[in-house]
């Protein structure tokens, strides 16, 4: 109790580098957020 809250950082430029379209970008952000939530 009293510690800093947990956080998830999403690295925009890196995700943009691996995506070729808006649809891929949306999908990759979703997968990345879910992956990071898994760590929680």
ModelCIF file with pLDDT and N, C-alpha, C, O atoms, coordinates in Angstrom:
data_MODEL
#
_entry.id   MODEL 
#
_entity.id                         1 
_entity.type                       polymer 
_entity.pdbx_number_of_molecules   1 
#
_entity_poly.entity_id                      1 
_entity_poly.type                           'polypeptide(L)' 
_entity_poly.nstd_linkage                   no 
_entity_poly.nstd_monomer                   no 
_entity_poly.pdbx_seq_one_letter_code       
;(UNK)(UNK)(UNK)(UNK)(UNK)(UNK)(UNK)(UNK)(UNK)(UNK)(UNK)(UNK)(UNK)(UNK)(UNK)(UNK)
(UNK)(UNK)(UNK)(UNK)(UNK)(UNK)(UNK)(UNK)(UNK)(UNK)(UNK)(UNK)(UNK)(UNK)(UNK)(UNK)
(UNK)(UNK)(UNK)(UNK)(UNK)(UNK)(UNK)(UNK)
;
_entity_poly.pdbx_seq_one_letter_code_can   XXXXXXXXXXXXXXXXXXXXXXXXXXXXXXXXXXXXXXXX 
_entity_poly.pdbx_strand_id                 A 
#
loop_
_entity_poly_seq.entity_id 
_entity_poly_seq.num 
_entity_poly_seq.mon_id 
_entity_poly_seq.hetero 
1 1  UNK n 
1 2  UNK n 
1 3  UNK n 
1 4  UNK n 
1 5  UNK n 
1 6  UNK n 
1 7  UNK n 
1 8  UNK n 
1 9  UNK n 
1 10 UNK n 
1 11 UNK n 
1 12 UNK n 
1 13 UNK n 
1 14 UNK n 
1 15 UNK n 
1 16 UNK n 
1 17 UNK n 
1 18 UNK n 
1 19 UNK n 
1 20 UNK n 
1 21 UNK n 
1 22 UNK n 
1 23 UNK n 
1 24 UNK n 
1 25 UNK n 
1 26 UNK n 
1 27 UNK n 
1 28 UNK n 
1 29 UNK n 
1 30 UNK n 
1 31 UNK n 
1 32 UNK n 
1 33 UNK n 
1 34 UNK n 
1 35 UNK n 
1 36 UNK n 
1 37 UNK n 
1 38 UNK n 
1 39 UNK n 
1 40 UNK n 
#
_struct_asym.id          A 
_struct_asym.entity_id   1 
#
loop_
_ma_qa_metric.id 
_ma_qa_metric.mode 
_ma_qa_metric.name 
_ma_qa_metric.software_group_id 
_ma_qa_metric.type 
1 global pLDDT . pLDDT 
2 local  pLDDT . pLDDT 
#
_ma_qa_metric_global.metric_id      1 
_ma_qa_metric_global.metric_value   90.08 
_ma_qa_metric_global.model_id       1 
_ma_qa_metric_global.ordinal_id     1 
#
loop_
_ma_qa_metric_local.label_asym_id 
_ma_qa_metric_local.label_comp_id 
_ma_qa_metric_local.label_seq_id 
_ma_qa_metric_local.metric_id 
_ma_qa_metric_local.metric_value 
_ma_qa_metric_local.model_id 
_ma_qa_metric_local.ordinal_id 
A UNK 1  2 66.00 1 1  
A UNK 2  2 65.00 1 2  
A UNK 3  2 68.00 1 3  
A UNK 4  2 70.00 1 4  
A UNK 5  2 77.00 1 5  
A UNK 6  2 84.00 1 6  
A UNK 7  2 88.00 1 7  
A UNK 8  2 92.00 1 8  
A UNK 9  2 94.00 1 9  
A UNK 10 2 96.00 1 10 
A UNK 11 2 97.00 1 11 
A UNK 12 2 97.00 1 12 
A UNK 13 2 96.00 1 13 
A UNK 14 2 96.00 1 14 
A UNK 15 2 97.00 1 15 
A UNK 16 2 97.00 1 16 
A UNK 17 2 96.00 1 17 
A UNK 18 2 96.00 1 18 
A UNK 19 2 97.00 1 19 
A UNK 20 2 96.00 1 20 
A UNK 21 2 97.00 1 21 
A UNK 22 2 96.00 1 22 
A UNK 23 2 97.00 1 23 
A UNK 24 2 97.00 1 24 
A UNK 25 2 96.00 1 25 
A UNK 26 2 96.00 1 26 
A UNK 27 2 96.00 1 27 
A UNK 28 2 96.00 1 28 
A UNK 29 2 95.00 1 29 
A UNK 30 2 92.00 1 30 
A UNK 31 2 94.00 1 31 
A UNK 32 2 95.00 1 32 
A UNK 33 2 91.00 1 33 
A UNK 34 2 88.00 1 34 
A UNK 35 2 91.00 1 35 
A UNK 36 2 89.00 1 36 
A UNK 37 2 86.00 1 37 
A UNK 38 2 85.00 1 38 
A UNK 39 2 83.00 1 39 
A UNK 40 2 78.00 1 40 
#
loop_
_atom_site.group_PDB 
_atom_site.id 
_atom_site.type_symbol 
_atom_site.label_atom_id 
_atom_site.label_alt_id 
_atom_site.label_comp_id 
_atom_site.label_asym_id 
_atom_site.label_entity_id 
_atom_site.label_seq_id 
_atom_site.pdbx_PDB_ins_code 
_atom_site.Cartn_x 
_atom_site.Cartn_y 
_atom_site.Cartn_z 
_atom_site.occupancy 
_atom_site.B_iso_or_equiv 
_atom_site.pdbx_formal_charge 
_atom_site.auth_seq_id 
_atom_site.auth_comp_id 
_atom_site.auth_asym_id 
_atom_site.auth_atom_id 
_atom_site.pdbx_PDB_model_num 
ATOM 1   N N  . UNK A 1 1  ? 0.846  -1.195  0.000   1.00 66.00 ? 1  UNK A N  1 
ATOM 2   C CA . UNK A 1 1  ? 0.000  0.000   0.000   1.00 66.00 ? 1  UNK A CA 1 
ATOM 3   C C  . UNK A 1 1  ? 0.881  1.245   0.000   1.00 66.00 ? 1  UNK A C  1 
ATOM 4   O O  . UNK A 1 1  ? 1.940  1.276   0.628   1.00 66.00 ? 1  UNK A O  1 
ATOM 5   N N  . UNK A 1 2  ? 0.430  2.249   -0.704  1.00 65.00 ? 2  UNK A N  1 
ATOM 6   C CA . UNK A 1 2  ? 1.180  3.504   -0.762  1.00 65.00 ? 2  UNK A CA 1 
ATOM 7   C C  . UNK A 1 2  ? 2.250  3.543   -1.838  1.00 65.00 ? 2  UNK A C  1 
ATOM 8   O O  . UNK A 1 2  ? 2.960  4.543   -1.947  1.00 65.00 ? 2  UNK A O  1 
ATOM 9   N N  . UNK A 1 3  ? 2.393  2.491   -2.639  1.00 68.00 ? 3  UNK A N  1 
ATOM 10  C CA . UNK A 1 3  ? 3.395  2.506   -3.700  1.00 68.00 ? 3  UNK A CA 1 
ATOM 11  C C  . UNK A 1 3  ? 2.797  3.137   -4.956  1.00 68.00 ? 3  UNK A C  1 
ATOM 12  O O  . UNK A 1 3  ? 1.580  3.276   -5.078  1.00 68.00 ? 3  UNK A O  1 
ATOM 13  N N  . UNK A 1 4  ? 3.658  3.508   -5.869  1.00 70.00 ? 4  UNK A N  1 
ATOM 14  C CA . UNK A 1 4  ? 3.204  4.093   -7.128  1.00 70.00 ? 4  UNK A CA 1 
ATOM 15  C C  . UNK A 1 4  ? 2.315  3.095   -7.865  1.00 70.00 ? 4  UNK A C  1 
ATOM 16  O O  . UNK A 1 4  ? 2.550  1.889   -7.797  1.00 70.00 ? 4  UNK A O  1 
ATOM 17  N N  . UNK A 1 5  ? 1.298  3.587   -8.566  1.00 77.00 ? 5  UNK A N  1 
ATOM 18  C CA . UNK A 1 5  ? 0.416  2.671   -9.298  1.00 77.00 ? 5  UNK A CA 1 
ATOM 19  C C  . UNK A 1 5  ? 1.146  2.005   -10.457 1.00 77.00 ? 5  UNK A C  1 
ATOM 20  O O  . UNK A 1 5  ? 2.128  2.535   -10.977 1.00 77.00 ? 5  UNK A O  1 
ATOM 21  N N  . UNK A 1 6  ? 0.654  0.846   -10.848 1.00 84.00 ? 6  UNK A N  1 
ATOM 22  C CA . UNK A 1 6  ? 1.199  0.134   -11.989 1.00 84.00 ? 6  UNK A CA 1 
ATOM 23  C C  . UNK A 1 6  ? 0.910  0.930   -13.254 1.00 84.00 ? 6  UNK A C  1 
ATOM 24  O O  . UNK A 1 6  ? -0.023 1.732   -13.302 1.00 84.00 ? 6  UNK A O  1 
ATOM 25  N N  . UNK A 1 7  ? 1.726  0.695   -14.278 1.00 88.00 ? 7  UNK A N  1 
ATOM 26  C CA . UNK A 1 7  ? 1.480  1.378   -15.537 1.00 88.00 ? 7  UNK A CA 1 
ATOM 27  C C  . UNK A 1 7  ? 1.889  0.491   -16.707 1.00 88.00 ? 7  UNK A C  1 
ATOM 28  O O  . UNK A 1 7  ? 2.693  -0.430  -16.569 1.00 88.00 ? 7  UNK A O  1 
ATOM 29  N N  . UNK A 1 8  ? 1.317  0.795   -17.838 1.00 92.00 ? 8  UNK A N  1 
ATOM 30  C CA . UNK A 1 8  ? 1.670  0.151   -19.093 1.00 92.00 ? 8  UNK A CA 1 
ATOM 31  C C  . UNK A 1 8  ? 2.084  1.248   -20.051 1.00 92.00 ? 8  UNK A C  1 
ATOM 32  O O  . UNK A 1 8  ? 1.340  2.200   -20.289 1.00 92.00 ? 8  UNK A O  1 
ATOM 33  N N  . UNK A 1 9  ? 3.281  1.105   -20.600 1.00 94.00 ? 9  UNK A N  1 
ATOM 34  C CA . UNK A 1 9  ? 3.767  2.044   -21.600 1.00 94.00 ? 9  UNK A CA 1 
ATOM 35  C C  . UNK A 1 9  ? 3.669  1.384   -22.965 1.00 94.00 ? 9  UNK A C  1 
ATOM 36  O O  . UNK A 1 9  ? 4.069  0.232   -23.133 1.00 94.00 ? 9  UNK A O  1 
ATOM 37  N N  . UNK A 1 10 ? 3.145  2.103   -23.928 1.00 96.00 ? 10 UNK A N  1 
ATOM 38  C CA . UNK A 1 10 ? 3.066  1.652   -25.308 1.00 96.00 ? 10 UNK A CA 1 
ATOM 39  C C  . UNK A 1 10 ? 4.017  2.547   -26.108 1.00 96.00 ? 10 UNK A C  1 
ATOM 40  O O  . UNK A 1 10 ? 3.903  3.772   -26.064 1.00 96.00 ? 10 UNK A O  1 
ATOM 41  N N  . UNK A 1 11 ? 4.953  1.935   -26.838 1.00 97.00 ? 11 UNK A N  1 
ATOM 42  C CA . UNK A 1 11 ? 5.973  2.690   -27.558 1.00 97.00 ? 11 UNK A CA 1 
ATOM 43  C C  . UNK A 1 11 ? 5.546  2.897   -29.015 1.00 97.00 ? 11 UNK A C  1 
ATOM 44  O O  . UNK A 1 11 ? 5.690  2.014   -29.860 1.00 97.00 ? 11 UNK A O  1 
ATOM 45  N N  . UNK A 1 12 ? 5.027  4.076   -29.270 1.00 97.00 ? 12 UNK A N  1 
ATOM 46  C CA . UNK A 1 12 ? 4.392  4.420   -30.540 1.00 97.00 ? 12 UNK A CA 1 
ATOM 47  C C  . UNK A 1 12 ? 5.294  4.176   -31.747 1.00 97.00 ? 12 UNK A C  1 
ATOM 48  O O  . UNK A 1 12 ? 4.891  3.488   -32.684 1.00 97.00 ? 12 UNK A O  1 
ATOM 49  N N  . UNK A 1 13 ? 6.501  4.725   -31.739 1.00 96.00 ? 13 UNK A N  1 
ATOM 50  C CA . UNK A 1 13 ? 7.371  4.628   -32.923 1.00 96.00 ? 13 UNK A CA 1 
ATOM 51  C C  . UNK A 1 13 ? 7.722  3.177   -33.236 1.00 96.00 ? 13 UNK A C  1 
ATOM 52  O O  . UNK A 1 13 ? 7.769  2.791   -34.404 1.00 96.00 ? 13 UNK A O  1 
ATOM 53  N N  . UNK A 1 14 ? 7.967  2.374   -32.212 1.00 96.00 ? 14 UNK A N  1 
ATOM 54  C CA . UNK A 1 14 ? 8.314  0.974   -32.452 1.00 96.00 ? 14 UNK A CA 1 
ATOM 55  C C  . UNK A 1 14 ? 7.142  0.198   -33.040 1.00 96.00 ? 14 UNK A C  1 
ATOM 56  O O  . UNK A 1 14 ? 7.319  -0.631  -33.933 1.00 96.00 ? 14 UNK A O  1 
ATOM 57  N N  . UNK A 1 15 ? 5.946  0.472   -32.532 1.00 97.00 ? 15 UNK A N  1 
ATOM 58  C CA . UNK A 1 15 ? 4.773  -0.206  -33.081 1.00 97.00 ? 15 UNK A CA 1 
ATOM 59  C C  . UNK A 1 15 ? 4.539  0.244   -34.526 1.00 97.00 ? 15 UNK A C  1 
ATOM 60  O O  . UNK A 1 15 ? 4.184  -0.570  -35.379 1.00 97.00 ? 15 UNK A O  1 
ATOM 61  N N  . UNK A 1 16 ? 4.734  1.522   -34.801 1.00 97.00 ? 16 UNK A N  1 
ATOM 62  C CA . UNK A 1 16 ? 4.574  2.000   -36.172 1.00 97.00 ? 16 UNK A CA 1 
ATOM 63  C C  . UNK A 1 16 ? 5.563  1.330   -37.128 1.00 97.00 ? 16 UNK A C  1 
ATOM 64  O O  . UNK A 1 16 ? 5.248  1.108   -38.297 1.00 97.00 ? 16 UNK A O  1 
ATOM 65  N N  . UNK A 1 17 ? 6.754  1.009   -36.628 1.00 96.00 ? 17 UNK A N  1 
ATOM 66  C CA . UNK A 1 17 ? 7.759  0.365   -37.473 1.00 96.00 ? 17 UNK A CA 1 
ATOM 67  C C  . UNK A 1 17 ? 7.361  -1.040  -37.916 1.00 96.00 ? 17 UNK A C  1 
ATOM 68  O O  . UNK A 1 17 ? 7.765  -1.482  -38.992 1.00 96.00 ? 17 UNK A O  1 
ATOM 69  N N  . UNK A 1 18 ? 6.584  -1.742  -37.113 1.00 96.00 ? 18 UNK A N  1 
ATOM 70  C CA . UNK A 1 18 ? 6.228  -3.118  -37.453 1.00 96.00 ? 18 UNK A CA 1 
ATOM 71  C C  . UNK A 1 18 ? 4.871  -3.236  -38.137 1.00 96.00 ? 18 UNK A C  1 
ATOM 72  O O  . UNK A 1 18 ? 4.424  -4.341  -38.444 1.00 96.00 ? 18 UNK A O  1 
ATOM 73  N N  . UNK A 1 19 ? 4.217  -2.107  -38.375 1.00 97.00 ? 19 UNK A N  1 
ATOM 74  C CA . UNK A 1 19 ? 2.885  -2.126  -38.978 1.00 97.00 ? 19 UNK A CA 1 
ATOM 75  C C  . UNK A 1 19 ? 2.890  -1.428  -40.336 1.00 97.00 ? 19 UNK A C  1 
ATOM 76  O O  . UNK A 1 19 ? 3.590  -0.436  -40.539 1.00 97.00 ? 19 UNK A O  1 
ATOM 77  N N  . UNK A 1 20 ? 2.100  -1.965  -41.256 1.00 96.00 ? 20 UNK A N  1 
ATOM 78  C CA . UNK A 1 20 ? 2.022  -1.400  -42.599 1.00 96.00 ? 20 UNK A CA 1 
ATOM 79  C C  . UNK A 1 20 ? 0.684  -0.728  -42.896 1.00 96.00 ? 20 UNK A C  1 
ATOM 80  O O  . UNK A 1 20 ? 0.515  -0.133  -43.961 1.00 96.00 ? 20 UNK A O  1 
ATOM 81  N N  . UNK A 1 21 ? -0.253 -0.814  -41.983 1.00 97.00 ? 21 UNK A N  1 
ATOM 82  C CA . UNK A 1 21 ? -1.567 -0.203  -42.216 1.00 97.00 ? 21 UNK A CA 1 
ATOM 83  C C  . UNK A 1 21 ? -2.196 0.184   -40.890 1.00 97.00 ? 21 UNK A C  1 
ATOM 84  O O  . UNK A 1 21 ? -1.732 -0.214  -39.821 1.00 97.00 ? 21 UNK A O  1 
ATOM 85  N N  . UNK A 1 22 ? -3.255 0.964   -40.981 1.00 96.00 ? 22 UNK A N  1 
ATOM 86  C CA . UNK A 1 22 ? -3.984 1.357   -39.772 1.00 96.00 ? 22 UNK A CA 1 
ATOM 87  C C  . UNK A 1 22 ? -4.571 0.130   -39.078 1.00 96.00 ? 22 UNK A C  1 
ATOM 88  O O  . UNK A 1 22 ? -4.552 0.043   -37.850 1.00 96.00 ? 22 UNK A O  1 
ATOM 89  N N  . UNK A 1 23 ? -5.085 -0.806  -39.850 1.00 97.00 ? 23 UNK A N  1 
ATOM 90  C CA . UNK A 1 23 ? -5.662 -2.021  -39.269 1.00 97.00 ? 23 UNK A CA 1 
ATOM 91  C C  . UNK A 1 23 ? -4.598 -2.817  -38.504 1.00 97.00 ? 23 UNK A C  1 
ATOM 92  O O  . UNK A 1 23 ? -4.862 -3.310  -37.408 1.00 97.00 ? 23 UNK A O  1 
ATOM 93  N N  . UNK A 1 24 ? -3.403 -2.942  -39.076 1.00 97.00 ? 24 UNK A N  1 
ATOM 94  C CA . UNK A 1 24 ? -2.314 -3.631  -38.378 1.00 97.00 ? 24 UNK A CA 1 
ATOM 95  C C  . UNK A 1 24 ? -1.928 -2.880  -37.106 1.00 97.00 ? 24 UNK A C  1 
ATOM 96  O O  . UNK A 1 24 ? -1.653 -3.497  -36.078 1.00 97.00 ? 24 UNK A O  1 
ATOM 97  N N  . UNK A 1 25 ? -1.909 -1.570  -37.175 1.00 96.00 ? 25 UNK A N  1 
ATOM 98  C CA . UNK A 1 25 ? -1.553 -0.746  -36.022 1.00 96.00 ? 25 UNK A CA 1 
ATOM 99  C C  . UNK A 1 25 ? -2.538 -0.962  -34.875 1.00 96.00 ? 25 UNK A C  1 
ATOM 100 O O  . UNK A 1 25 ? -2.135 -1.167  -33.730 1.00 96.00 ? 25 UNK A O  1 
ATOM 101 N N  . UNK A 1 26 ? -3.825 -0.915  -35.191 1.00 96.00 ? 26 UNK A N  1 
ATOM 102 C CA . UNK A 1 26 ? -4.858 -1.131  -34.174 1.00 96.00 ? 26 UNK A CA 1 
ATOM 103 C C  . UNK A 1 26 ? -4.713 -2.520  -33.564 1.00 96.00 ? 26 UNK A C  1 
ATOM 104 O O  . UNK A 1 26 ? -4.796 -2.676  -32.346 1.00 96.00 ? 26 UNK A O  1 
ATOM 105 N N  . UNK A 1 27 ? -4.496 -3.525  -34.402 1.00 96.00 ? 27 UNK A N  1 
ATOM 106 C CA . UNK A 1 27 ? -4.349 -4.893  -33.921 1.00 96.00 ? 27 UNK A CA 1 
ATOM 107 C C  . UNK A 1 27 ? -3.104 -5.050  -33.056 1.00 96.00 ? 27 UNK A C  1 
ATOM 108 O O  . UNK A 1 27 ? -3.148 -5.723  -32.027 1.00 96.00 ? 27 UNK A O  1 
ATOM 109 N N  . UNK A 1 28 ? -2.002 -4.439  -33.459 1.00 96.00 ? 28 UNK A N  1 
ATOM 110 C CA . UNK A 1 28 ? -0.749 -4.568  -32.692 1.00 96.00 ? 28 UNK A CA 1 
ATOM 111 C C  . UNK A 1 28 ? -0.848 -3.862  -31.350 1.00 96.00 ? 28 UNK A C  1 
ATOM 112 O O  . UNK A 1 28 ? -0.344 -4.371  -30.349 1.00 96.00 ? 28 UNK A O  1 
ATOM 113 N N  . UNK A 1 29 ? -1.486 -2.706  -31.312 1.00 95.00 ? 29 UNK A N  1 
ATOM 114 C CA . UNK A 1 29 ? -1.672 -2.011  -30.031 1.00 95.00 ? 29 UNK A CA 1 
ATOM 115 C C  . UNK A 1 29 ? -2.517 -2.874  -29.098 1.00 95.00 ? 29 UNK A C  1 
ATOM 116 O O  . UNK A 1 29 ? -2.200 -3.010  -27.916 1.00 95.00 ? 29 UNK A O  1 
ATOM 117 N N  . UNK A 1 30 ? -3.582 -3.452  -29.625 1.00 92.00 ? 30 UNK A N  1 
ATOM 118 C CA . UNK A 1 30 ? -4.441 -4.325  -28.820 1.00 92.00 ? 30 UNK A CA 1 
ATOM 119 C C  . UNK A 1 30 ? -3.649 -5.506  -28.262 1.00 92.00 ? 30 UNK A C  1 
ATOM 120 O O  . UNK A 1 30 ? -3.718 -5.796  -27.068 1.00 92.00 ? 30 UNK A O  1 
ATOM 121 N N  . UNK A 1 31 ? -2.897 -6.187  -29.130 1.00 94.00 ? 31 UNK A N  1 
ATOM 122 C CA . UNK A 1 31 ? -2.103 -7.341  -28.683 1.00 94.00 ? 31 UNK A CA 1 
ATOM 123 C C  . UNK A 1 31 ? -1.053 -6.937  -27.648 1.00 94.00 ? 31 UNK A C  1 
ATOM 124 O O  . UNK A 1 31 ? -0.822 -7.651  -26.673 1.00 94.00 ? 31 UNK A O  1 
ATOM 125 N N  . UNK A 1 32 ? -0.427 -5.792  -27.871 1.00 95.00 ? 32 UNK A N  1 
ATOM 126 C CA . UNK A 1 32 ? 0.618  -5.335  -26.948 1.00 95.00 ? 32 UNK A CA 1 
ATOM 127 C C  . UNK A 1 32 ? 0.028  -4.995  -25.584 1.00 95.00 ? 32 UNK A C  1 
ATOM 128 O O  . UNK A 1 32 ? 0.586  -5.374  -24.554 1.00 95.00 ? 32 UNK A O  1 
ATOM 129 N N  . UNK A 1 33 ? -1.090 -4.288  -25.572 1.00 91.00 ? 33 UNK A N  1 
ATOM 130 C CA . UNK A 1 33 ? -1.731 -3.949  -24.294 1.00 91.00 ? 33 UNK A CA 1 
ATOM 131 C C  . UNK A 1 33 ? -2.150 -5.230  -23.561 1.00 91.00 ? 33 UNK A C  1 
ATOM 132 O O  . UNK A 1 33 ? -1.913 -5.361  -22.361 1.00 91.00 ? 33 UNK A O  1 
ATOM 133 N N  . UNK A 1 34 ? -2.767 -6.166  -24.274 1.00 88.00 ? 34 UNK A N  1 
ATOM 134 C CA . UNK A 1 34 ? -3.168 -7.428  -23.640 1.00 88.00 ? 34 UNK A CA 1 
ATOM 135 C C  . UNK A 1 34 ? -1.959 -8.201  -23.106 1.00 88.00 ? 34 UNK A C  1 
ATOM 136 O O  . UNK A 1 34 ? -2.026 -8.795  -22.030 1.00 88.00 ? 34 UNK A O  1 
ATOM 137 N N  . UNK A 1 35 ? -0.862 -8.192  -23.853 1.00 91.00 ? 35 UNK A N  1 
ATOM 138 C CA . UNK A 1 35 ? 0.363  -8.851  -23.390 1.00 91.00 ? 35 UNK A CA 1 
ATOM 139 C C  . UNK A 1 35 ? 0.852  -8.216  -22.089 1.00 91.00 ? 35 UNK A C  1 
ATOM 140 O O  . UNK A 1 35 ? 1.195  -8.920  -21.139 1.00 91.00 ? 35 UNK A O  1 
ATOM 141 N N  . UNK A 1 36 ? 0.883  -6.895  -22.050 1.00 89.00 ? 36 UNK A N  1 
ATOM 142 C CA . UNK A 1 36 ? 1.362  -6.205  -20.850 1.00 89.00 ? 36 UNK A CA 1 
ATOM 143 C C  . UNK A 1 36 ? 0.408  -6.410  -19.675 1.00 89.00 ? 36 UNK A C  1 
ATOM 144 O O  . UNK A 1 36 ? 0.858  -6.536  -18.536 1.00 89.00 ? 36 UNK A O  1 
ATOM 145 N N  . UNK A 1 37 ? -0.896 -6.447  -19.929 1.00 86.00 ? 37 UNK A N  1 
ATOM 146 C CA . UNK A 1 37 ? -1.857 -6.756  -18.867 1.00 86.00 ? 37 UNK A CA 1 
ATOM 147 C C  . UNK A 1 37 ? -1.577 -8.147  -18.307 1.00 86.00 ? 37 UNK A C  1 
ATOM 148 O O  . UNK A 1 37 ? -1.732 -8.381  -17.109 1.00 86.00 ? 37 UNK A O  1 
ATOM 149 N N  . UNK A 1 38 ? -1.168 -9.057  -19.165 1.00 85.00 ? 38 UNK A N  1 
ATOM 150 C CA . UNK A 1 38 ? -0.805 -10.406 -18.714 1.00 85.00 ? 38 UNK A CA 1 
ATOM 151 C C  . UNK A 1 38 ? 0.265  -10.397 -17.643 1.00 85.00 ? 38 UNK A C  1 
ATOM 152 O O  . UNK A 1 38 ? 0.242  -11.231 -16.738 1.00 85.00 ? 38 UNK A O  1 
ATOM 153 N N  . UNK A 1 39 ? 1.198  -9.472  -17.730 1.00 83.00 ? 39 UNK A N  1 
ATOM 154 C CA . UNK A 1 39 ? 2.232  -9.360  -16.690 1.00 83.00 ? 39 UNK A CA 1 
ATOM 155 C C  . UNK A 1 39 ? 1.636  -8.984  -15.338 1.00 83.00 ? 39 UNK A C  1 
ATOM 156 O O  . UNK A 1 39 ? 2.150  -9.376  -14.290 1.00 83.00 ? 39 UNK A O  1 
ATOM 157 N N  . UNK A 1 40 ? 0.562  -8.232  -15.373 1.00 78.00 ? 40 UNK A N  1 
ATOM 158 C CA . UNK A 1 40 ? -0.117 -7.828  -14.128 1.00 78.00 ? 40 UNK A CA 1 
ATOM 159 C C  . UNK A 1 40 ? -0.746 -9.018  -13.421 1.00 78.00 ? 40 UNK A C  1 
ATOM 160 O O  . UNK A 1 40 ? -1.354 -8.856  -12.363 1.00 78.00 ? 40 UNK A O  1 
#
